[in-house]
């Protein structure tokens, strides 16, 4: 019997806790890797994706601080590639350690991943994703006056640059990923939502944008024909009527139920909503598969007969 293919989308809390150093993030990933190995022990084929929000934010701060004629700051698409490399390295290292500790032999590889977006995506006309350092209102106005960049006030902490967050339409390296998966290689790809690129005739061109990690993971799961899309977050289940007396834990749900709850604004924008929307996209395009939203700590228990939020076709 062939192994079930599972795309695991790791959230930021699986990589970064309260220590932003490389050693601190590897320490967090050692714990993450132990949880992932439990799935491998159960016979699942893992296809891993991950976020990079805190990491690329820190890198952009470093780039801005050292920007000069002799050492110019690198663009956002390159910074996404750099964090794909660093997080991929840490995860390859810690996952290999966990595999050896469990007495398992399996190759692990990271893939610098380009994700194609549409240059006509409406997101390019309405950038919404804050990135980079916080500025005063005067600094933001000065930068905006001498460029096409846009700045918004962010949560009372200052002004930040905003960039578009277009939807992924394909993944350049998906055939390579499929080949590696068929050879039983654990792949790490689509880090940080992937490096956003647009097709310009025969060339791919990087763009100043950020792709949502969960939508990129849904596209990855569709393209590799995964049996499960597993989106990890800080809770074991999704809830409706959250923090109210009639709060309800969601276990087995359909995409039509989720669409109704979205209309009722049950899921927080920028938090649970994109995760729910990504699972809907995957299940609509892969009706024989399932999507799961749960916590890292709950994944092995769920696949061993426990409970999580499971989304399936009507």
Protein backbone atom coordinates (compact mmCIF):
# COMPACT_ATOMS: atom_id res chain seq x y z
CA UNK A 1 0.00 0.00 0.00
CA UNK A 2 1.34 3.44 -0.94
CA UNK A 3 1.99 5.96 1.80
CA UNK A 4 -0.55 8.71 2.27
CA UNK A 5 0.89 12.05 1.17
CA UNK A 6 0.54 14.85 3.72
CA UNK A 7 1.42 18.50 3.09
CA UNK A 8 2.29 19.93 6.51
CA UNK A 9 2.15 23.74 6.68
CA UNK A 10 4.19 24.82 9.70
CA UNK A 11 3.25 28.08 11.39
CA UNK A 12 5.66 30.60 12.88
CA UNK A 13 5.31 29.13 16.40
CA UNK A 14 6.84 25.89 15.11
CA UNK A 15 10.05 27.78 14.27
CA UNK A 16 10.35 30.84 16.50
CA UNK A 17 9.41 31.04 20.17
CA UNK A 18 11.00 33.70 22.38
CA UNK A 19 14.60 33.35 21.14
CA UNK A 20 15.21 34.79 17.65
CA UNK A 21 18.82 33.56 17.41
CA UNK A 22 19.71 30.78 15.00
CA UNK A 23 20.35 28.50 18.00
CA UNK A 24 16.97 29.42 19.50
CA UNK A 25 15.11 28.69 16.30
CA UNK A 26 16.90 25.35 15.85
CA UNK A 27 15.92 24.48 19.42
CA UNK A 28 12.26 25.14 18.56
CA UNK A 29 12.60 23.11 15.36
CA UNK A 30 14.05 20.15 17.26
CA UNK A 31 10.74 19.90 19.12
CA UNK A 32 8.82 20.40 15.87
CA UNK A 33 10.85 17.67 14.18
CA UNK A 34 10.05 15.19 16.94
CA UNK A 35 6.33 15.75 16.31
CA UNK A 36 6.82 15.34 12.55
CA UNK A 37 8.74 12.08 13.01
CA UNK A 38 5.71 10.64 14.81
CA UNK A 39 3.78 11.03 11.54
CA UNK A 40 6.61 9.39 9.59
CA UNK A 41 6.50 6.48 12.06
CA UNK A 42 2.81 6.07 11.21
CA UNK A 43 3.75 5.67 7.54
CA UNK A 44 2.91 9.09 6.14
CA UNK A 45 4.92 10.74 3.36
CA UNK A 46 5.65 14.31 4.48
CA UNK A 47 5.79 17.33 2.17
CA UNK A 48 6.66 20.27 4.42
CA UNK A 49 6.00 23.98 3.92
CA UNK A 50 6.56 26.77 6.42
CA UNK A 51 6.05 30.42 7.24
CA UNK A 52 8.81 33.02 7.48
CA UNK A 53 7.11 36.17 8.81
CA UNK A 54 9.35 36.92 11.82
CA UNK A 55 12.49 35.77 10.00
CA UNK A 56 12.02 37.85 6.86
CA UNK A 57 10.97 40.80 9.04
CA UNK A 58 14.25 40.58 10.98
CA UNK A 59 16.22 40.21 7.75
CA UNK A 60 14.56 43.30 6.26
CA UNK A 61 15.54 45.26 9.40
CA UNK A 62 19.15 44.11 8.96
CA UNK A 63 19.07 45.05 5.27
CA UNK A 64 17.69 48.52 6.04
CA UNK A 65 20.26 49.11 8.80
CA UNK A 66 23.23 48.34 6.55
CA UNK A 67 21.90 49.88 3.33
CA UNK A 68 24.56 51.90 1.53
CA UNK A 69 26.02 52.42 -1.94
CA UNK A 70 28.71 49.85 -1.20
CA UNK A 71 26.31 47.39 0.44
CA UNK A 72 22.81 48.01 -0.98
CA UNK A 73 19.76 46.42 0.65
CA UNK A 74 18.46 43.40 -1.22
CA UNK A 75 14.88 43.28 -2.56
CA UNK A 76 12.04 41.43 -0.87
CA UNK A 77 11.96 38.45 -3.26
CA UNK A 78 15.65 37.81 -2.55
CA UNK A 79 15.06 38.12 1.20
CA UNK A 80 12.29 35.50 0.94
CA UNK A 81 14.76 33.21 -0.87
CA UNK A 82 17.36 33.79 1.85
CA UNK A 83 14.93 32.82 4.62
CA UNK A 84 13.82 29.75 2.64
CA UNK A 85 17.49 28.72 2.70
CA UNK A 86 18.12 29.42 6.38
CA UNK A 87 14.90 27.87 7.71
CA UNK A 88 15.26 24.95 5.30
CA UNK A 89 18.79 24.34 6.58
CA UNK A 90 17.66 24.39 10.22
CA UNK A 91 14.73 22.08 9.52
CA UNK A 92 16.78 19.64 7.41
CA UNK A 93 19.33 19.46 10.21
CA UNK A 94 16.87 18.96 13.07
CA UNK A 95 14.61 16.57 11.14
CA UNK A 96 17.58 14.42 10.15
CA UNK A 97 18.64 14.30 13.83
CA UNK A 98 15.12 13.22 14.85
CA UNK A 99 15.02 10.55 12.15
CA UNK A 100 18.35 9.09 13.27
CA UNK A 101 17.18 9.15 16.89
CA UNK A 102 14.05 7.22 15.87
CA UNK A 103 16.10 4.67 13.92
CA UNK A 104 14.66 5.78 10.57
CA UNK A 105 16.52 6.30 7.30
CA UNK A 106 15.03 8.89 4.96
CA UNK A 107 16.49 11.73 2.92
CA UNK A 108 15.42 15.32 3.56
CA UNK A 109 15.95 18.18 1.12
CA UNK A 110 14.98 21.87 0.92
CA UNK A 111 13.96 23.44 -2.38
CA UNK A 112 14.23 27.15 -3.13
CA UNK A 113 10.70 27.58 -4.46
CA UNK A 114 9.29 30.15 -6.88
CA UNK A 115 5.52 30.64 -6.88
CA UNK A 116 3.84 32.17 -9.92
CA UNK A 117 1.33 34.95 -9.36
CA UNK A 118 -0.74 36.91 -11.87
CA UNK A 119 0.65 40.38 -12.62
CA UNK A 120 -3.00 41.48 -13.00
CA UNK A 121 -3.95 40.24 -9.51
CA UNK A 122 -6.06 42.96 -7.80
CA UNK A 123 -3.71 42.75 -4.81
CA UNK A 124 -1.13 44.75 -6.75
CA UNK A 125 -3.53 47.70 -6.80
CA UNK A 126 -4.30 47.33 -3.11
CA UNK A 127 -1.22 46.36 -1.07
CA UNK A 128 -2.20 45.26 2.44
CA UNK A 129 0.67 43.23 3.93
CA UNK A 130 2.86 45.23 6.38
CA UNK A 131 6.57 44.43 6.24
CA UNK A 132 9.85 45.84 7.49
CA UNK A 133 10.64 48.40 10.20
CA UNK A 134 8.24 50.71 12.04
CA UNK A 135 8.63 54.38 11.08
CA UNK A 136 7.31 57.64 12.43
CA UNK A 137 4.59 59.35 10.41
CA UNK A 138 7.12 61.92 9.17
CA UNK A 139 9.58 59.22 8.03
CA UNK A 140 6.81 57.34 6.22
CA UNK A 141 5.60 60.49 4.47
CA UNK A 142 9.15 61.34 3.39
CA UNK A 143 9.76 57.87 1.94
CA UNK A 144 6.37 57.79 0.21
CA UNK A 145 7.01 61.20 -1.37
CA UNK A 146 10.18 59.99 -3.09
CA UNK A 147 8.97 56.55 -4.24
CA UNK A 148 5.92 54.51 -5.24
CA UNK A 149 5.93 52.77 -1.84
CA UNK A 150 2.84 52.87 0.37
CA UNK A 151 2.80 53.11 4.16
CA UNK A 152 0.06 52.52 6.70
CA UNK A 153 -0.32 52.95 10.45
CA UNK A 154 0.07 49.50 12.02
CA UNK A 155 -1.60 48.68 15.35
CA UNK A 156 -0.61 51.92 17.06
CA UNK A 157 3.11 51.05 16.85
CA UNK A 158 4.06 53.30 13.94
CA UNK A 159 3.94 53.27 10.16
CA UNK A 160 5.06 50.36 7.99
CA UNK A 161 5.45 49.74 4.31
CA UNK A 162 2.72 47.58 2.77
CA UNK A 163 3.17 45.21 -0.16
CA UNK A 164 0.69 43.19 -2.23
CA UNK A 165 -0.36 39.66 -1.21
CA UNK A 166 -1.41 38.03 -4.51
CA UNK A 167 -2.89 34.53 -4.79
CA UNK A 168 -0.59 31.73 -6.00
CA UNK A 169 -1.52 30.26 -9.39
CA UNK A 170 1.28 27.69 -9.80
CA UNK A 171 4.58 26.51 -8.31
CA UNK A 172 7.52 26.47 -10.70
CA UNK A 173 9.29 23.54 -9.02
CA UNK A 174 6.22 21.34 -8.37
CA UNK A 175 7.27 18.62 -10.83
CA UNK A 176 10.66 18.35 -9.12
CA UNK A 177 8.91 18.10 -5.75
CA UNK A 178 6.61 15.36 -7.08
CA UNK A 179 9.61 13.37 -8.36
CA UNK A 180 11.36 13.62 -5.00
CA UNK A 181 8.20 12.60 -3.15
CA UNK A 182 7.87 9.56 -5.45
CA UNK A 183 11.39 8.58 -4.35
CA UNK A 184 10.34 8.79 -0.66
CA UNK A 185 12.32 11.99 -0.05
CA UNK A 186 10.97 14.38 2.57
CA UNK A 187 10.77 17.79 0.89
CA UNK A 188 10.77 21.27 2.43
CA UNK A 189 9.41 23.80 -0.05
CA UNK A 190 7.22 26.88 -0.60
CA UNK A 191 8.83 28.53 2.44
CA UNK A 192 7.22 31.82 3.41
CA UNK A 193 4.58 31.31 0.73
CA UNK A 194 7.27 30.96 -1.92
CA UNK A 195 9.25 33.57 -3.84
CA UNK A 196 6.61 35.54 -5.79
CA UNK A 197 7.35 35.67 -9.52
CA UNK A 198 5.42 36.72 -12.62
CA UNK A 199 5.79 35.27 -16.09
CA UNK A 200 7.30 37.77 -18.55
CA UNK A 201 7.41 36.04 -21.94
CA UNK A 202 10.03 33.29 -21.41
CA UNK A 203 11.37 34.73 -18.15
CA UNK A 204 10.31 34.70 -14.52
CA UNK A 205 10.60 38.01 -12.72
CA UNK A 206 10.58 38.43 -8.96
CA UNK A 207 8.08 40.94 -7.59
CA UNK A 208 7.78 42.97 -4.38
CA UNK A 209 5.02 40.94 -2.75
CA UNK A 210 4.29 38.37 -0.05
CA UNK A 211 2.24 35.23 -0.73
CA UNK A 212 0.14 33.87 2.11
CA UNK A 213 1.79 30.69 3.38
CA UNK A 214 -1.49 28.80 3.77
CA UNK A 215 -2.70 29.55 0.22
CA UNK A 216 0.71 28.51 -1.14
CA UNK A 217 0.52 25.29 0.89
CA UNK A 218 -2.96 24.59 -0.52
CA UNK A 219 -1.61 25.07 -4.05
CA UNK A 220 1.34 22.78 -3.26
CA UNK A 221 -1.02 20.10 -1.88
CA UNK A 222 -3.15 20.33 -5.03
CA UNK A 223 -0.17 20.05 -7.39
CA UNK A 224 1.48 17.09 -5.62
CA UNK A 225 -1.93 15.37 -5.29
CA UNK A 226 -1.72 15.13 -1.51
CA UNK A 227 -4.19 13.05 0.48
CA UNK A 228 -4.15 15.61 3.31
CA UNK A 229 -3.41 19.30 3.68
CA UNK A 230 -2.45 19.81 7.30
CA UNK A 231 -2.41 23.47 8.39
CA UNK A 232 -0.87 23.89 11.82
CA UNK A 233 -1.81 26.70 14.17
CA UNK A 234 -1.82 27.43 17.91
CA UNK A 235 -5.05 25.54 18.74
CA UNK A 236 -6.27 21.95 18.35
CA UNK A 237 -9.55 23.01 16.68
CA UNK A 238 -11.25 25.88 14.88
CA UNK A 239 -14.16 27.44 16.78
CA UNK A 240 -17.28 29.36 15.92
CA UNK A 241 -18.77 31.90 18.35
CA UNK A 242 -15.25 32.07 19.77
CA UNK A 243 -15.02 33.24 23.41
CA UNK A 244 -18.81 33.49 23.66
CA UNK A 245 -21.13 31.40 25.89
CA UNK A 246 -22.25 29.39 22.83
CA UNK A 247 -18.70 28.72 21.61
CA UNK A 248 -18.57 25.57 19.46
CA UNK A 249 -15.59 23.40 18.58
CA UNK A 250 -15.53 22.30 14.93
CA UNK A 251 -14.56 18.70 14.19
CA UNK A 252 -16.01 17.22 10.97
CA UNK A 253 -17.19 20.05 8.68
CA UNK A 254 -17.93 20.60 5.00
CA UNK A 255 -16.84 23.44 2.74
CA UNK A 256 -20.45 24.68 2.39
CA UNK A 257 -20.70 24.99 6.19
CA UNK A 258 -17.42 26.92 6.28
CA UNK A 259 -18.59 29.28 3.52
CA UNK A 260 -21.71 30.08 5.52
CA UNK A 261 -19.65 30.78 8.65
CA UNK A 262 -17.35 33.03 6.61
CA UNK A 263 -20.42 35.06 5.57
CA UNK A 264 -21.27 35.34 9.27
CA UNK A 265 -17.72 36.64 9.92
CA UNK A 266 -16.96 33.82 12.35
CA UNK A 267 -13.23 33.70 11.54
CA UNK A 268 -10.74 36.49 12.29
CA UNK A 269 -9.18 38.13 9.20
CA UNK A 270 -5.41 37.77 9.13
CA UNK A 271 -5.62 34.90 11.62
CA UNK A 272 -7.98 31.94 11.17
CA UNK A 273 -9.79 33.21 8.06
CA UNK A 274 -6.96 32.63 5.53
CA UNK A 275 -6.40 29.15 6.94
CA UNK A 276 -10.08 28.30 6.49
CA UNK A 277 -10.15 29.83 2.98
CA UNK A 278 -7.02 27.88 2.00
CA UNK A 279 -8.57 24.58 3.11
CA UNK A 280 -11.70 25.36 1.07
CA UNK A 281 -9.58 26.01 -2.05
CA UNK A 282 -7.72 22.72 -1.63
CA UNK A 283 -10.78 20.55 -0.98
CA UNK A 284 -12.73 22.11 -3.87
CA UNK A 285 -9.90 21.21 -6.26
CA UNK A 286 -9.13 17.85 -4.60
CA UNK A 287 -12.54 16.50 -3.51
CA UNK A 288 -11.20 13.05 -2.61
CA UNK A 289 -8.73 14.58 -0.15
CA UNK A 290 -9.16 16.19 3.25
CA UNK A 291 -7.82 19.31 4.94
CA UNK A 292 -7.07 19.50 8.64
CA UNK A 293 -6.52 22.51 10.90
CA UNK A 294 -4.97 21.70 14.26
CA UNK A 295 -1.91 22.27 16.46
CA UNK A 296 1.56 20.80 16.05
CA UNK A 297 1.19 19.01 19.38
CA UNK A 298 -2.07 17.35 18.31
CA UNK A 299 -1.12 15.98 14.87
CA UNK A 300 0.12 12.52 15.86
CA UNK A 301 -2.85 12.04 18.23
CA UNK A 302 -5.28 13.08 15.48
CA UNK A 303 -3.89 10.56 13.00
CA UNK A 304 -4.00 7.95 15.76
CA UNK A 305 -7.77 8.36 16.12
CA UNK A 306 -8.04 11.67 17.93
CA UNK A 307 -9.89 14.86 17.05
CA UNK A 308 -9.09 17.98 15.00
CA UNK A 309 -10.98 20.24 12.59
CA UNK A 310 -11.36 18.17 9.41
CA UNK A 311 -12.69 19.78 6.22
CA UNK A 312 -14.07 17.62 3.43
CA UNK A 313 -16.12 17.97 0.29
CA UNK A 314 -19.92 18.09 0.68
